[in-house]
């Protein structure tokens, strides 16, 4: 399980916004999911207006990609610790 943030800044969908980007994001979303891509929590807000279904799909797809990468790294770290 892992959590990431995603957002829309200047019309571009981005992953893991640092504070400076988060503070000016048009859309801000937090996603928690399992490595298998099952959602635990999805929280999204149109900070500066609305967002489309297409943007929602792009945000969740990017978030799940980031979560998959994080869970792979987590598994590698656990395996390395067992050695």
Protein backbone atom coordinates (compact mmCIF):
# COMPACT_ATOMS: atom_id res chain seq x y z
CA UNK A 1 0.00 0.00 0.00
CA UNK A 2 1.22 3.49 -0.79
CA UNK A 3 -0.09 7.03 -1.09
CA UNK A 4 0.69 9.77 -3.60
CA UNK A 5 -0.55 13.18 -4.56
CA UNK A 6 -1.36 14.20 -8.09
CA UNK A 7 -2.62 17.43 -9.53
CA UNK A 8 -3.16 19.69 -12.48
CA UNK A 9 -0.82 22.65 -12.81
CA UNK A 10 -1.01 24.89 -15.85
CA UNK A 11 -3.20 22.30 -17.55
CA UNK A 12 -0.59 19.55 -17.04
CA UNK A 13 -1.22 16.44 -14.93
CA UNK A 14 1.68 15.90 -12.50
CA UNK A 15 2.60 13.42 -9.75
CA UNK A 16 3.85 14.09 -6.21
CA UNK A 17 3.47 17.82 -5.99
CA UNK A 18 5.89 19.62 -3.70
CA UNK A 19 4.32 22.34 -1.54
CA UNK A 20 5.12 25.11 -4.02
CA UNK A 21 3.19 23.31 -6.79
CA UNK A 22 0.43 22.07 -4.50
CA UNK A 23 -0.27 25.63 -3.35
CA UNK A 24 -0.96 26.75 -6.93
CA UNK A 25 -2.55 23.60 -8.35
CA UNK A 26 -5.82 23.89 -10.23
CA UNK A 27 -6.69 20.36 -9.09
CA UNK A 28 -5.29 18.54 -6.08
CA UNK A 29 -5.81 14.82 -5.53
CA UNK A 30 -4.59 12.31 -2.93
CA UNK A 31 -4.72 8.62 -3.76
CA UNK A 32 -4.04 5.64 -1.51
CA UNK A 33 -4.03 2.20 -3.13
CA UNK A 34 -2.59 -1.27 -2.91
CA UNK A 35 0.20 -2.50 -5.16
CA UNK A 36 -2.46 -4.44 -7.04
CA UNK A 37 -4.18 -1.16 -7.94
CA UNK A 38 -7.13 -1.42 -5.52
CA UNK A 39 -8.16 1.94 -4.13
CA UNK A 40 -8.18 2.59 -0.40
CA UNK A 41 -8.88 6.33 -0.65
CA UNK A 42 -9.34 8.90 -3.39
CA UNK A 43 -9.71 12.54 -2.47
CA UNK A 44 -9.78 15.22 -5.15
CA UNK A 45 -10.59 18.89 -5.18
CA UNK A 46 -10.88 21.46 -7.92
CA UNK A 47 -8.93 24.14 -6.06
CA UNK A 48 -9.26 26.80 -8.75
CA UNK A 49 -12.34 25.51 -10.57
CA UNK A 50 -13.65 22.32 -12.05
CA UNK A 51 -11.99 19.37 -13.75
CA UNK A 52 -13.12 16.97 -16.44
CA UNK A 53 -13.67 13.23 -16.42
CA UNK A 54 -10.67 12.95 -18.75
CA UNK A 55 -8.49 14.80 -16.22
CA UNK A 56 -9.83 12.58 -13.42
CA UNK A 57 -8.89 9.50 -15.44
CA UNK A 58 -5.43 10.92 -16.15
CA UNK A 59 -4.91 11.76 -12.48
CA UNK A 60 -5.92 8.32 -11.22
CA UNK A 61 -3.90 6.54 -13.92
CA UNK A 62 -0.79 8.56 -13.05
CA UNK A 63 -1.37 8.06 -9.32
CA UNK A 64 -1.70 4.28 -9.73
CA UNK A 65 1.51 4.22 -11.79
CA UNK A 66 3.32 6.06 -8.99
CA UNK A 67 1.86 3.73 -6.36
CA UNK A 68 2.96 0.68 -8.36
CA UNK A 69 6.51 2.06 -8.49
CA UNK A 70 6.48 2.78 -4.75
CA UNK A 71 5.20 -0.68 -3.82
CA UNK A 72 7.90 -2.26 -6.00
CA UNK A 73 10.52 -0.25 -4.12
CA UNK A 74 8.92 -1.22 -0.80
CA UNK A 75 9.08 -4.91 -1.69
CA UNK A 76 12.73 -4.56 -2.73
CA UNK A 77 13.57 -2.86 0.58
CA UNK A 78 11.83 -5.58 2.60
CA UNK A 79 13.58 -8.32 0.60
CA UNK A 80 16.96 -6.63 1.10
CA UNK A 81 16.32 -6.32 4.85
CA UNK A 82 15.64 -10.06 5.08
CA UNK A 83 19.10 -10.91 3.70
